[in-house]
Amino acid sequence: MAGEIRPRVAVARRPILYALDGGRTT
């Protein structure tokens, strides 16, 4: 809002249904 940054979002994925241990961050 202060004009310091002008952020945008980029997203990537692969042909995966389930991986990364279901999201277990440990």
PDB file of all heavy atoms in Angstrom:
ATOM      1  N   MET A   1       0.825  -1.213   0.000  1.00  0.00           N
ATOM      2  CA  MET A   1       0.000   0.000   0.000  1.00  0.00           C
ATOM      3  C   MET A   1       0.857   1.259   0.000  1.00  0.00           C
ATOM      4  O   MET A   1       0.457   2.296  -0.538  1.00  0.00           O
ATOM      5  CB  MET A   1      -0.942  -0.006   1.205  1.00  0.00           C
ATOM      6  CG  MET A   1      -2.054  -1.035   1.093  1.00  0.00           C
ATOM      7  SD  MET A   1      -3.335  -0.814   2.354  1.00  0.00           S
ATOM      8  CE  MET A   1      -2.390  -1.062   3.846  1.00  0.00           C
ATOM      9  N   ALA A   2       2.048   1.154   0.589  1.00  0.00           N
ATOM     10  CA  ALA A   2       2.959   2.301   0.618  1.00  0.00           C
ATOM     11  C   ALA A   2       3.718   2.467  -0.693  1.00  0.00           C
ATOM     12  O   ALA A   2       4.465   3.448  -0.863  1.00  0.00           O
ATOM     13  CB  ALA A   2       3.949   2.145   1.764  1.00  0.00           C
ATOM     14  N   GLY A   3       3.556   1.531  -1.626  1.00  0.00           N
ATOM     15  CA  GLY A   3       4.231   1.620  -2.909  1.00  0.00           C
ATOM     16  C   GLY A   3       5.657   1.128  -2.902  1.00  0.00           C
ATOM     17  O   GLY A   3       6.376   1.277  -3.898  1.00  0.00           O
ATOM     18  N   GLU A   4       6.108   0.516  -1.805  1.00  0.00           N
ATOM     19  CA  GLU A   4       7.474   0.006  -1.738  1.00  0.00           C
ATOM     20  C   GLU A   4       7.673  -1.217  -2.627  1.00  0.00           C
ATOM     21  O   GLU A   4       8.766  -1.461  -3.140  1.00  0.00           O
ATOM     22  CB  GLU A   4       7.826  -0.363  -0.297  1.00  0.00           C
ATOM     23  CG  GLU A   4       7.810   0.781   0.691  1.00  0.00           C
ATOM     24  CD  GLU A   4       8.065   0.291   2.113  1.00  0.00           C
ATOM     25  OE1 GLU A   4       8.592  -0.840   2.269  1.00  0.00           O
ATOM     26  OE2 GLU A   4       7.733   1.028   3.064  1.00  0.00           O
ATOM     27  N   ILE A   5       6.619  -2.008  -2.776  1.00  0.00           N
ATOM     28  CA  ILE A   5       6.686  -3.225  -3.582  1.00  0.00           C
ATOM     29  C   ILE A   5       5.417  -3.318  -4.429  1.00  0.00           C
ATOM     30  O   ILE A   5       4.389  -2.725  -4.106  1.00  0.00           O
ATOM     31  CB  ILE A   5       6.806  -4.489  -2.696  1.00  0.00           C
ATOM     32  CG1 ILE A   5       5.682  -4.544  -1.665  1.00  0.00           C
ATOM     33  CG2 ILE A   5       8.168  -4.550  -2.019  1.00  0.00           C
ATOM     34  CD1 ILE A   5       5.648  -5.814  -0.832  1.00  0.00           C
ATOM     35  N   ARG A   6       5.522  -4.068  -5.531  1.00  0.00           N
ATOM     36  CA  ARG A   6       4.368  -4.340  -6.386  1.00  0.00           C
ATOM     37  C   ARG A   6       4.284  -5.853  -6.604  1.00  0.00           C
ATOM     38  O   ARG A   6       4.631  -6.367  -7.663  1.00  0.00           O
ATOM     39  CB  ARG A   6       4.493  -3.595  -7.717  1.00  0.00           C
ATOM     40  CG  ARG A   6       4.540  -2.075  -7.550  1.00  0.00           C
ATOM     41  CD  ARG A   6       4.562  -1.364  -8.889  1.00  0.00           C
ATOM     42  NE  ARG A   6       4.631   0.072  -8.713  1.00  0.00           N
ATOM     43  CZ  ARG A   6       3.601   0.866  -8.461  1.00  0.00           C
ATOM     44  NH1 ARG A   6       2.389   0.332  -8.353  1.00  0.00           N
ATOM     45  NH2 ARG A   6       3.752   2.172  -8.313  1.00  0.00           N
ATOM     46  N   PRO A   7       3.859  -6.560  -5.581  1.00  0.00           N
ATOM     47  CA  PRO A   7       3.955  -8.028  -5.622  1.00  0.00           C
ATOM     48  C   PRO A   7       2.975  -8.682  -6.585  1.00  0.00           C
ATOM     49  O   PRO A   7       1.841  -8.229  -6.771  1.00  0.00           O
ATOM     50  CB  PRO A   7       3.648  -8.435  -4.181  1.00  0.00           C
ATOM     51  CG  PRO A   7       2.805  -7.309  -3.645  1.00  0.00           C
ATOM     52  CD  PRO A   7       3.316  -6.081  -4.316  1.00  0.00           C
ATOM     53  N   ARG A   8       3.435  -9.788  -7.179  1.00  0.00           N
ATOM     54  CA  ARG A   8       2.613 -10.664  -8.001  1.00  0.00           C
ATOM     55  C   ARG A   8       2.933 -12.106  -7.618  1.00  0.00           C
ATOM     56  O   ARG A   8       3.993 -12.391  -7.073  1.00  0.00           O
ATOM     57  CB  ARG A   8       2.893 -10.460  -9.490  1.00  0.00           C
ATOM     58  CG  ARG A   8       2.549  -9.072 -10.021  1.00  0.00           C
ATOM     59  CD  ARG A   8       1.040  -8.786  -9.971  1.00  0.00           C
ATOM     60  NE  ARG A   8       0.261  -9.807 -10.646  1.00  0.00           N
ATOM     61  CZ  ARG A   8       0.060  -9.850 -11.969  1.00  0.00           C
ATOM     62  NH1 ARG A   8       0.625  -8.932 -12.743  1.00  0.00           N
ATOM     63  NH2 ARG A   8      -0.689 -10.792 -12.513  1.00  0.00           N
ATOM     64  N   VAL A   9       2.041 -13.014  -7.955  1.00  0.00           N
ATOM     65  CA  VAL A   9       2.186 -14.411  -7.557  1.00  0.00           C
ATOM     66  C   VAL A   9       2.438 -15.294  -8.778  1.00  0.00           C
ATOM     67  O   VAL A   9       1.695 -15.218  -9.770  1.00  0.00           O
ATOM     68  CB  VAL A   9       0.936 -14.914  -6.808  1.00  0.00           C
ATOM     69  CG1 VAL A   9       1.119 -16.378  -6.382  1.00  0.00           C
ATOM     70  CG2 VAL A   9       0.639 -14.041  -5.597  1.00  0.00           C
ATOM     71  N   ALA A  10       3.460 -16.121  -8.694  1.00  0.00           N
ATOM     72  CA  ALA A  10       3.731 -17.156  -9.691  1.00  0.00           C
ATOM     73  C   ALA A  10       3.511 -18.516  -9.042  1.00  0.00           C
ATOM     74  O   ALA A  10       3.884 -18.730  -7.888  1.00  0.00           O
ATOM     75  CB  ALA A  10       5.166 -17.045 -10.202  1.00  0.00           C
ATOM     76  N   VAL A  11       2.920 -19.441  -9.780  1.00  0.00           N
ATOM     77  CA  VAL A  11       2.623 -20.759  -9.219  1.00  0.00           C
ATOM     78  C   VAL A  11       3.118 -21.842 -10.163  1.00  0.00           C
ATOM     79  O   VAL A  11       3.024 -21.709 -11.385  1.00  0.00           O
ATOM     80  CB  VAL A  11       1.106 -20.924  -8.948  1.00  0.00           C
ATOM     81  CG1 VAL A  11       0.283 -20.752 -10.212  1.00  0.00           C
ATOM     82  CG2 VAL A  11       0.808 -22.271  -8.308  1.00  0.00           C
ATOM     83  N   ALA A  12       3.667 -22.920  -9.572  1.00  0.00           N
ATOM     84  CA  ALA A  12       4.146 -24.063 -10.343  1.00  0.00           C
ATOM     85  C   ALA A  12       3.611 -25.342  -9.726  1.00  0.00           C
ATOM     86  O   ALA A  12       3.417 -25.421  -8.514  1.00  0.00           O
ATOM     87  CB  ALA A  12       5.675 -24.088 -10.376  1.00  0.00           C
ATOM     88  N   ARG A  13       3.390 -26.331 -10.576  1.00  0.00           N
ATOM     89  CA  ARG A  13       2.970 -27.663 -10.101  1.00  0.00           C
ATOM     90  C   ARG A  13       3.504 -28.707 -11.058  1.00  0.00           C
ATOM     91  O   ARG A  13       4.027 -28.379 -12.126  1.00  0.00           O
ATOM     92  CB  ARG A  13       1.445 -27.744  -9.965  1.00  0.00           C
ATOM     93  CG  ARG A  13       0.679 -27.494 -11.259  1.00  0.00           C
ATOM     94  CD  ARG A  13      -0.824 -27.660 -11.060  1.00  0.00           C
ATOM     95  NE  ARG A  13      -1.340 -26.730 -10.095  1.00  0.00           N
ATOM     96  CZ  ARG A  13      -1.683 -25.474 -10.363  1.00  0.00           C
ATOM     97  NH1 ARG A  13      -1.534 -25.010 -11.584  1.00  0.00           N
ATOM     98  NH2 ARG A  13      -2.164 -24.681  -9.446  1.00  0.00           N
ATOM     99  N   ARG A  14       3.368 -29.961 -10.685  1.00  0.00           N
ATOM    100  CA  ARG A  14       3.771 -31.093 -11.513  1.00  0.00           C
ATOM    101  C   ARG A  14       2.620 -32.108 -11.520  1.00  0.00           C
ATOM    102  O   ARG A  14       1.678 -31.980 -10.727  1.00  0.00           O
ATOM    103  CB  ARG A  14       5.052 -31.734 -10.963  1.00  0.00           C
ATOM    104  CG  ARG A  14       6.287 -30.833 -11.014  1.00  0.00           C
ATOM    105  CD  ARG A  14       6.757 -30.594 -12.431  1.00  0.00           C
ATOM    106  NE  ARG A  14       7.935 -29.743 -12.494  1.00  0.00           N
ATOM    107  CZ  ARG A  14       7.884 -28.405 -12.591  1.00  0.00           C
ATOM    108  NH1 ARG A  14       6.715 -27.778 -12.631  1.00  0.00           N
ATOM    109  NH2 ARG A  14       9.002 -27.707 -12.658  1.00  0.00           N
ATOM    110  N   PRO A  15       2.702 -33.136 -12.368  1.00  0.00           N
ATOM    111  CA  PRO A  15       1.620 -34.132 -12.396  1.00  0.00           C
ATOM    112  C   PRO A  15       1.671 -35.050 -11.171  1.00  0.00           C
ATOM    113  O   PRO A  15       2.006 -36.232 -11.252  1.00  0.00           O
ATOM    114  CB  PRO A  15       1.874 -34.890 -13.707  1.00  0.00           C
ATOM    115  CG  PRO A  15       3.328 -34.744 -13.943  1.00  0.00           C
ATOM    116  CD  PRO A  15       3.682 -33.373 -13.438  1.00  0.00           C
ATOM    117  N   ILE A  16       1.366 -34.462 -10.015  1.00  0.00           N
ATOM    118  CA  ILE A  16       1.397 -35.180  -8.740  1.00  0.00           C
ATOM    119  C   ILE A  16       0.053 -34.980  -8.045  1.00  0.00           C
ATOM    120  O   ILE A  16      -0.408 -33.849  -7.892  1.00  0.00           O
ATOM    121  CB  ILE A  16       2.516 -34.653  -7.813  1.00  0.00           C
ATOM    122  CG1 ILE A  16       3.876 -34.664  -8.508  1.00  0.00           C
ATOM    123  CG2 ILE A  16       2.565 -35.484  -6.542  1.00  0.00           C
ATOM    124  CD1 ILE A  16       4.966 -33.983  -7.681  1.00  0.00           C
ATOM    125  N   LEU A  17      -0.531 -36.071  -7.600  1.00  0.00           N
ATOM    126  CA  LEU A  17      -1.756 -36.002  -6.802  1.00  0.00           C
ATOM    127  C   LEU A  17      -1.417 -35.865  -5.319  1.00  0.00           C
ATOM    128  O   LEU A  17      -2.040 -35.085  -4.604  1.00  0.00           O
ATOM    129  CB  LEU A  17      -2.585 -37.259  -7.060  1.00  0.00           C
ATOM    130  CG  LEU A  17      -3.975 -37.362  -6.431  1.00  0.00           C
ATOM    131  CD1 LEU A  17      -4.864 -38.246  -7.299  1.00  0.00           C
ATOM    132  CD2 LEU A  17      -3.928 -37.933  -5.018  1.00  0.00           C
ATOM    133  N   TYR A  18      -0.431 -36.609  -4.881  1.00  0.00           N
ATOM    134  CA  TYR A  18      -0.076 -36.639  -3.451  1.00  0.00           C
ATOM    135  C   TYR A  18       1.424 -36.838  -3.335  1.00  0.00           C
ATOM    136  O   TYR A  18       1.996 -37.751  -3.937  1.00  0.00           O
ATOM    137  CB  TYR A  18      -0.802 -37.794  -2.750  1.00  0.00           C
ATOM    138  CG  TYR A  18      -0.473 -37.970  -1.283  1.00  0.00           C
ATOM    139  CD1 TYR A  18      -1.282 -37.391  -0.308  1.00  0.00           C
ATOM    140  CD2 TYR A  18       0.625 -38.734  -0.883  1.00  0.00           C
ATOM    141  CE1 TYR A  18      -0.987 -37.569   1.044  1.00  0.00           C
ATOM    142  CE2 TYR A  18       0.915 -38.897   0.463  1.00  0.00           C
ATOM    143  CZ  TYR A  18       0.104 -38.315   1.423  1.00  0.00           C
ATOM    144  OH  TYR A  18       0.393 -38.474   2.752  1.00  0.00           O
ATOM    145  N   ALA A  19       2.071 -35.977  -2.568  1.00  0.00           N
ATOM    146  CA  ALA A  19       3.499 -36.101  -2.286  1.00  0.00           C
ATOM    147  C   ALA A  19       3.822 -35.208  -1.101  1.00  0.00           C
ATOM    148  O   ALA A  19       2.923 -34.753  -0.380  1.00  0.00           O
ATOM    149  CB  ALA A  19       4.338 -35.738  -3.509  1.00  0.00           C
ATOM    150  N   LEU A  20       5.116 -34.919  -0.918  1.00  0.00           N
ATOM    151  CA  LEU A  20       5.580 -34.073   0.188  1.00  0.00           C
ATOM    152  C   LEU A  20       5.064 -34.582   1.531  1.00  0.00           C
ATOM    153  O   LEU A  20       4.765 -33.803   2.441  1.00  0.00           O
ATOM    154  CB  LEU A  20       5.191 -32.609  -0.024  1.00  0.00           C
ATOM    155  CG  LEU A  20       5.844 -31.931  -1.235  1.00  0.00           C
ATOM    156  CD1 LEU A  20       5.352 -30.483  -1.353  1.00  0.00           C
ATOM    157  CD2 LEU A  20       7.365 -31.981  -1.139  1.00  0.00           C
ATOM    158  N   ASP A  21       4.915 -35.913   1.632  1.00  0.00           N
ATOM    159  CA  ASP A  21       4.522 -36.544   2.894  1.00  0.00           C
ATOM    160  C   ASP A  21       3.185 -36.022   3.402  1.00  0.00           C
ATOM    161  O   ASP A  21       2.966 -35.912   4.610  1.00  0.00           O
ATOM    162  CB  ASP A  21       5.617 -36.320   3.948  1.00  0.00           C
ATOM    163  CG  ASP A  21       5.773 -37.523   4.864  1.00  0.00           C
ATOM    164  OD1 ASP A  21       5.301 -38.615   4.516  1.00  0.00           O
ATOM    165  OD2 ASP A  21       6.359 -37.361   5.937  1.00  0.00           O
ATOM    166  N   GLY A  22       2.309 -35.669   2.464  1.00  0.00           N
ATOM    167  CA  GLY A  22       0.998 -35.168   2.863  1.00  0.00           C
ATOM    168  C   GLY A  22       1.058 -33.826   3.562  1.00  0.00           C
ATOM    169  O   GLY A  22       0.084 -33.405   4.177  1.00  0.00           O
ATOM    170  N   GLY A  23       2.193 -33.152   3.467  1.00  0.00           N
ATOM    171  CA  GLY A  23       2.326 -31.843   4.101  1.00  0.00           C
ATOM    172  C   GLY A  23       2.992 -31.875   5.458  1.00  0.00           C
ATOM    173  O   GLY A  23       3.038 -30.848   6.141  1.00  0.00           O
ATOM    174  N   ARG A  24       3.524 -33.013   5.856  1.00  0.00           N
ATOM    175  CA  ARG A  24       4.191 -33.087   7.164  1.00  0.00           C
ATOM    176  C   ARG A  24       5.461 -32.238   7.136  1.00  0.00           C
ATOM    177  O   ARG A  24       6.446 -32.581   6.470  1.00  0.00           O
ATOM    178  CB  ARG A  24       4.497 -34.539   7.524  1.00  0.00           C
ATOM    179  CG  ARG A  24       3.223 -35.348   7.749  1.00  0.00           C
ATOM    180  CD  ARG A  24       3.503 -36.701   8.342  1.00  0.00           C
ATOM    181  NE  ARG A  24       2.239 -37.389   8.633  1.00  0.00           N
ATOM    182  CZ  ARG A  24       2.136 -38.485   9.367  1.00  0.00           C
ATOM    183  NH1 ARG A  24       3.212 -39.027   9.895  1.00  0.00           N
ATOM    184  NH2 ARG A  24       0.962 -39.034   9.590  1.00  0.00           N
ATOM    185  N   THR A  25       5.415 -31.158   7.847  1.00  0.00           N
ATOM    186  CA  THR A  25       6.499 -30.175   7.791  1.00  0.00           C
ATOM    187  C   THR A  25       7.700 -30.575   8.643  1.00  0.00           C
ATOM    188  O   THR A  25       8.672 -29.820   8.734  1.00  0.00           O
ATOM    189  CB  THR A  25       5.986 -28.796   8.233  1.00  0.00           C
ATOM    190  OG1 THR A  25       5.314 -28.912   9.501  1.00  0.00           O
ATOM    191  CG2 THR A  25       5.009 -28.239   7.217  1.00  0.00           C
ATOM    192  N   THR A  26       7.628 -31.754   9.245  1.00  0.00           N
ATOM    193  CA  THR A  26       8.772 -32.286   9.996  1.00  0.00           C
ATOM    194  C   THR A  26       9.562 -33.298   9.181  1.00  0.00           C
ATOM    195  O   THR A  26      10.571 -33.819   9.651  1.00  0.00           O
ATOM    196  CB  THR A  26       8.295 -32.960  11.293  1.00  0.00           C
ATOM    197  OG1 THR A  26       7.289 -33.935  10.958  1.00  0.00           O
ATOM    198  CG2 THR A  26       7.701 -31.943  12.249  1.00  0.00           C
TER     199      THR A  26
END
